[in-house]
Amino acid sequence: MGVLSQLLMEQGILSQTEKVRYETDGRIGKITINRPEKLNAMDSETYRALSEAWTTFQTDDDVWVGIVTGEGNRAFSAGADLTEAVEPGSVEWPEFWRTQEEMLLNNGLDVWKPVIAAVNGYCLAGGLTLLLATDIRIAGESAQFGLSEVKRGILPGNGGTQRAIRQLPHMAAMELLLTGDHVDAERARDWNLVTTVVPDEEVMSVAEEYAARILANGPLAVRAIKELTVRGRNMSLADAMRLEESFQYHLLQTEDAKEGVVAFAEDREPDYRAR
């Protein structure tokens, strides 16, 4: 490990394992799965490092938006590293799957800060399950998407089946889930699986542009909107609207809400502080 990496680790900017990097760039937290030689497949150590990175992102008051990506241009992530698994029924099998209990974004971790996915290459199995837990998704033209677990005799865990059927048209979700086949970026956009498709070399810059647009808004309002939309899906319309009223009442008491109104009256950009 180089001197810079060691320094970043000591400052808490770089994860303790190089299989996942967590870095901050102003108000943006960047999480990079860093196993390009394995198509960024996730073994148990990678899952633990991801858990650490998501927890750090969740609790860092200075970071307001996240970007998750995979190292290199060949893959966002090809999913779980099945070479680490052994035959079902053996003693070691449950130990591998216990990694799914980590604090992962796609396993129900409550992260109300917006998360943007920057996808190049393969986004398969657990990689696609992770994608389904993000809010805005930028795909390169060469990206390929698939829920390939069924080809291995298993199912997409960590919410893969449930998010797919909730987010995609029914027939699109069932095609992904039941065939395990790949679809290209254009078809993924047609299915609303990704937000936009751009040239491969522009994926990260476009993700950062989206982050900048979000950062121009009130951070407490952004988090409230994300939480309301996620929680409201499982509530009646009347209950969800009542929750919305409650959130709005609390937002109106914040300094950020007052700053937004004053900045508008003074024809200037607001200086939000998340308080």
Protein backbone atom coordinates (compact mmCIF):
# COMPACT_ATOMS: atom_id res chain seq x y z
CA MET A 1 0.00 0.00 0.00
CA GLY A 2 1.34 3.43 -0.93
CA VAL A 3 1.90 6.39 1.37
CA LEU A 4 -1.20 8.19 0.02
CA SER A 5 -3.44 5.17 0.62
CA GLN A 6 -2.10 4.81 4.16
CA LEU A 7 -2.75 8.49 4.84
CA LEU A 8 -6.29 8.25 3.48
CA MET A 9 -6.94 5.20 5.65
CA GLU A 10 -5.73 7.04 8.76
CA GLN A 11 -8.03 9.96 7.91
CA GLY A 12 -10.99 7.61 7.42
CA ILE A 13 -11.32 8.50 3.73
CA LEU A 14 -10.25 5.10 2.38
CA SER A 15 -11.79 1.85 3.56
CA GLN A 16 -9.58 -0.54 5.51
CA THR A 17 -9.74 -2.99 2.62
CA GLU A 18 -8.80 -2.08 -0.93
CA LYS A 19 -11.63 -4.28 -2.19
CA VAL A 20 -13.90 -1.29 -1.52
CA ARG A 21 -12.85 2.35 -1.58
CA TYR A 22 -14.78 5.04 0.27
CA GLU A 23 -13.72 8.57 -0.62
CA THR A 24 -15.23 12.00 -0.12
CA ASP A 25 -15.26 14.82 -2.65
CA GLY A 26 -16.81 17.82 -0.99
CA ARG A 27 -20.38 16.83 -0.11
CA ILE A 28 -20.21 13.67 -2.24
CA GLY A 29 -19.35 10.25 -0.83
CA LYS A 30 -18.00 7.85 -3.47
CA ILE A 31 -18.11 4.09 -2.92
CA THR A 32 -16.14 2.00 -5.41
CA ILE A 33 -16.15 -1.80 -5.54
CA ASN A 34 -12.51 -2.48 -6.33
CA ARG A 35 -12.03 -6.00 -7.70
CA PRO A 36 -11.73 -5.30 -11.44
CA GLU A 37 -9.84 -8.56 -12.02
CA LYS A 38 -12.97 -10.40 -10.74
CA LEU A 39 -15.45 -8.12 -12.55
CA ASN A 40 -15.99 -6.49 -9.14
CA ALA A 41 -17.65 -9.66 -7.85
CA MET A 42 -18.28 -9.51 -4.11
CA ASP A 43 -16.79 -12.05 -1.74
CA SER A 44 -17.43 -12.03 2.00
CA GLU A 45 -14.63 -9.51 2.65
CA THR A 46 -16.07 -7.19 0.01
CA TYR A 47 -19.53 -7.44 1.56
CA ARG A 48 -18.09 -6.51 4.96
CA ALA A 49 -16.21 -3.58 3.46
CA LEU A 50 -19.35 -2.41 1.67
CA SER A 51 -21.22 -2.60 4.94
CA GLU A 52 -18.57 -0.40 6.55
CA ALA A 53 -18.70 2.07 3.66
CA TRP A 54 -22.50 2.38 3.66
CA THR A 55 -22.53 2.89 7.42
CA THR A 56 -19.87 5.60 7.12
CA PHE A 57 -21.84 7.30 4.35
CA GLN A 58 -25.07 7.05 6.32
CA THR A 59 -23.62 8.67 9.45
CA ASP A 60 -21.30 11.30 7.92
CA ASP A 61 -23.06 14.64 8.43
CA ASP A 62 -20.69 16.35 5.97
CA VAL A 63 -21.71 14.10 3.06
CA TRP A 64 -25.10 14.70 1.45
CA VAL A 65 -25.10 12.62 -1.76
CA GLY A 66 -23.55 9.26 -2.65
CA ILE A 67 -22.20 7.74 -5.86
CA VAL A 68 -21.59 4.00 -6.11
CA THR A 69 -19.61 2.45 -8.95
CA GLY A 70 -17.26 -0.35 -9.89
CA GLU A 71 -13.56 0.00 -10.62
CA GLY A 72 -12.60 -0.09 -14.30
CA ASN A 73 -14.84 -0.20 -17.35
CA ARG A 74 -15.66 -3.92 -17.49
CA ALA A 75 -18.17 -4.17 -14.65
CA PHE A 76 -20.19 -2.32 -12.06
CA SER A 77 -20.40 -5.69 -10.30
CA ALA A 78 -20.97 -9.24 -11.51
CA GLY A 79 -22.64 -10.06 -8.18
CA ALA A 80 -21.58 -12.49 -5.48
CA ASP A 81 -18.26 -14.27 -5.97
CA LEU A 82 -19.57 -17.82 -6.21
CA THR A 83 -16.05 -19.23 -6.31
CA GLU A 84 -16.02 -18.57 -2.55
CA ALA A 85 -19.16 -20.64 -2.05
CA VAL A 86 -19.24 -24.41 -1.73
CA GLU A 87 -21.86 -27.03 -2.40
CA PRO A 88 -25.24 -26.49 -0.67
CA GLY A 89 -25.64 -28.76 2.32
CA SER A 90 -22.06 -28.47 3.48
CA VAL A 91 -21.13 -26.78 6.74
CA GLU A 92 -19.50 -23.81 5.01
CA TRP A 93 -22.48 -22.85 2.83
CA PRO A 94 -24.43 -20.90 5.49
CA GLU A 95 -21.25 -19.01 6.40
CA PHE A 96 -21.02 -17.59 2.87
CA TRP A 97 -24.63 -16.47 2.77
CA ARG A 98 -24.38 -14.89 6.22
CA THR A 99 -22.65 -11.98 4.45
CA GLN A 100 -26.12 -10.99 3.25
CA GLU A 101 -26.89 -9.95 6.84
CA GLU A 102 -24.36 -7.12 6.64
CA MET A 103 -25.56 -3.51 6.70
CA LEU A 104 -26.01 -3.27 2.94
CA LEU A 105 -27.95 -0.68 0.98
CA ASN A 106 -29.85 -3.39 -0.88
CA ASN A 107 -30.56 -5.31 2.32
CA GLY A 108 -32.76 -2.68 3.93
CA LEU A 109 -30.25 -0.21 5.38
CA ASP A 110 -32.11 3.07 5.92
CA VAL A 111 -30.06 5.57 3.92
CA TRP A 112 -32.18 8.63 3.23
CA LYS A 113 -29.40 10.50 1.46
CA PRO A 114 -29.76 10.07 -2.32
CA VAL A 115 -27.53 7.48 -3.98
CA ILE A 116 -26.51 7.63 -7.64
CA ALA A 117 -25.21 4.56 -9.48
CA ALA A 118 -22.55 4.95 -12.21
CA VAL A 119 -22.60 1.76 -14.30
CA ASN A 120 -20.11 0.57 -16.88
CA GLY A 121 -19.98 -2.99 -18.19
CA TYR A 122 -21.67 -5.87 -16.39
CA CYS A 123 -24.29 -5.20 -13.72
CA LEU A 124 -25.44 -8.69 -12.82
CA ALA A 125 -27.04 -10.66 -9.98
CA GLY A 126 -26.08 -8.97 -6.70
CA GLY A 127 -24.74 -6.02 -8.69
CA LEU A 128 -28.20 -5.45 -10.15
CA THR A 129 -29.80 -5.96 -6.74
CA LEU A 130 -27.55 -3.17 -5.48
CA LEU A 131 -28.54 -1.03 -8.46
CA LEU A 132 -32.23 -1.51 -7.61
CA ALA A 133 -31.58 0.07 -4.19
CA THR A 134 -30.19 3.29 -5.69
CA ASP A 135 -32.16 6.38 -6.68
CA ILE A 136 -30.64 7.66 -9.94
CA ARG A 137 -28.82 5.33 -12.36
CA ILE A 138 -26.39 6.38 -15.08
CA ALA A 139 -25.45 3.62 -17.53
CA GLY A 140 -22.72 3.50 -20.12
CA GLU A 141 -23.62 2.38 -23.63
CA SER A 142 -21.81 -0.94 -23.15
CA ALA A 143 -23.56 -1.81 -19.87
CA GLN A 144 -25.26 -5.20 -19.55
CA PHE A 145 -27.90 -6.02 -16.92
CA GLY A 146 -29.22 -9.31 -15.60
CA LEU A 147 -30.53 -11.23 -12.59
CA SER A 148 -28.67 -14.43 -13.36
CA GLU A 149 -29.14 -16.27 -10.04
CA VAL A 150 -31.83 -18.55 -11.47
CA LYS A 151 -29.21 -20.04 -13.81
CA ARG A 152 -27.34 -21.21 -10.68
CA GLY A 153 -30.43 -22.69 -9.05
CA ILE A 154 -30.85 -19.86 -6.53
CA LEU A 155 -32.84 -16.61 -6.40
CA PRO A 156 -31.89 -12.92 -6.25
CA GLY A 157 -31.68 -12.25 -2.51
CA ASN A 158 -31.37 -8.99 -0.58
CA GLY A 159 -34.62 -7.76 -2.09
CA GLY A 160 -33.84 -8.62 -5.70
CA THR A 161 -37.18 -10.26 -6.47
CA GLN A 162 -39.20 -7.69 -4.54
CA ARG A 163 -37.59 -4.53 -5.88
CA ALA A 164 -37.60 -5.80 -9.46
CA ILE A 165 -41.33 -6.47 -9.48
CA ARG A 166 -42.09 -3.15 -7.77
CA GLN A 167 -39.88 -0.97 -9.95
CA LEU A 168 -40.18 -2.50 -13.42
CA PRO A 169 -43.12 -3.33 -15.64
CA HIS A 170 -44.40 -6.77 -14.64
CA MET A 171 -43.34 -8.54 -17.83
CA ALA A 172 -39.90 -6.91 -17.81
CA ALA A 173 -39.26 -7.97 -14.21
CA MET A 174 -40.42 -11.51 -14.89
CA GLU A 175 -38.22 -11.78 -17.97
CA LEU A 176 -35.17 -10.77 -15.94
CA LEU A 177 -36.07 -13.00 -13.00
CA LEU A 178 -37.13 -16.13 -14.86
CA THR A 179 -34.67 -16.25 -17.76
CA GLY A 180 -31.56 -14.89 -16.07
CA ASP A 181 -30.60 -13.42 -19.44
CA HIS A 182 -28.76 -10.15 -19.99
CA VAL A 183 -30.30 -7.01 -21.47
CA ASP A 184 -28.39 -4.07 -22.92
CA ALA A 185 -28.42 -0.48 -21.72
CA GLU A 186 -31.00 0.72 -24.23
CA ARG A 187 -33.49 -1.93 -23.21
CA ALA A 188 -32.77 -1.24 -19.55
CA ARG A 189 -33.64 2.42 -20.16
CA ASP A 190 -36.82 1.44 -21.98
CA TRP A 191 -37.80 -0.59 -18.91
CA ASN A 192 -36.96 2.36 -16.58
CA LEU A 193 -34.25 0.28 -14.96
CA VAL A 194 -31.77 3.11 -15.55
CA THR A 195 -32.24 6.87 -15.66
CA THR A 196 -30.15 7.62 -18.74
CA VAL A 197 -27.61 6.05 -21.09
CA VAL A 198 -24.45 7.96 -22.01
CA PRO A 199 -21.12 7.19 -23.68
CA ASP A 200 -19.02 4.96 -21.43
CA GLU A 201 -16.38 7.61 -20.81
CA GLU A 202 -19.03 10.08 -19.56
CA VAL A 203 -20.68 7.89 -16.93
CA MET A 204 -18.92 9.31 -13.88
CA SER A 205 -19.03 12.92 -15.03
CA VAL A 206 -22.79 12.67 -15.65
CA ALA A 207 -23.26 11.04 -12.23
CA GLU A 208 -21.36 13.95 -10.68
CA GLU A 209 -23.53 16.42 -12.60
CA TYR A 210 -26.65 14.83 -11.12
CA ALA A 211 -25.04 14.99 -7.67
CA ALA A 212 -24.31 18.70 -8.13
CA ARG A 213 -27.92 19.38 -9.11
CA ILE A 214 -29.14 17.62 -5.97
CA LEU A 215 -26.59 19.41 -3.79
CA ALA A 216 -28.03 22.75 -4.90
CA ASN A 217 -31.23 21.87 -3.02
CA GLY A 218 -32.05 21.79 0.67
CA PRO A 219 -30.43 18.61 2.04
CA LEU A 220 -33.04 18.04 4.75
CA ALA A 221 -35.82 18.39 2.20
CA VAL A 222 -34.02 15.98 -0.14
CA ARG A 223 -33.76 13.35 2.61
CA ALA A 224 -37.37 13.87 3.66
CA ILE A 225 -38.56 13.41 0.09
CA LYS A 226 -36.59 10.18 -0.31
CA GLU A 227 -37.86 8.76 2.98
CA LEU A 228 -41.46 9.73 2.21
CA THR A 229 -41.42 8.13 -1.23
CA VAL A 230 -39.89 4.91 0.10
CA ARG A 231 -42.10 4.57 3.18
CA GLY A 232 -45.21 5.80 1.39
CA ARG A 233 -45.16 2.89 -1.06
CA ASN A 234 -46.30 0.58 1.73
CA MET A 235 -48.94 2.91 3.18
CA SER A 236 -52.44 3.94 2.19
CA LEU A 237 -52.66 7.25 0.36
CA ALA A 238 -54.35 8.89 3.35
CA ASP A 239 -51.68 7.69 5.78
CA ALA A 240 -48.85 8.65 3.42
CA MET A 241 -50.28 12.14 2.98
CA ARG A 242 -50.59 12.52 6.72
CA LEU A 243 -46.94 11.54 7.09
CA GLU A 244 -46.08 14.06 4.38
CA GLU A 245 -47.83 16.81 6.37
CA SER A 246 -45.84 15.86 9.46
CA PHE A 247 -42.53 16.00 7.58
CA GLN A 248 -43.45 19.35 6.06
CA TYR A 249 -44.29 20.80 9.47
CA HIS A 250 -40.87 19.82 10.83
CA LEU A 251 -39.05 21.08 7.73
CA LEU A 252 -40.70 24.47 8.10
CA GLN A 253 -39.07 24.83 11.52
CA THR A 254 -35.54 24.39 10.13
CA GLU A 255 -32.98 27.08 9.38
CA ASP A 256 -32.64 25.68 5.85
CA ALA A 257 -36.31 26.36 5.10
CA LYS A 258 -35.93 29.94 6.27
CA GLU A 259 -32.73 30.32 4.24
CA GLY A 260 -34.47 29.05 1.11
CA VAL A 261 -37.18 31.72 1.35
CA VAL A 262 -34.72 34.54 2.15
CA ALA A 263 -32.37 33.52 -0.68
CA PHE A 264 -35.29 33.56 -3.13
CA ALA A 265 -36.36 37.02 -1.95
CA GLU A 266 -32.78 38.29 -2.25
CA ASP A 267 -32.28 36.66 -5.68
CA ARG A 268 -29.22 34.65 -4.63
CA GLU A 269 -28.22 31.02 -4.24
CA PRO A 270 -29.17 29.58 -0.82
CA ASP A 271 -26.50 28.60 1.65
CA TYR A 272 -27.91 25.41 3.11
CA ARG A 273 -26.37 23.91 6.27
CA ALA A 274 -28.54 20.83 6.90
CA ARG A 275 -30.03 22.26 10.07
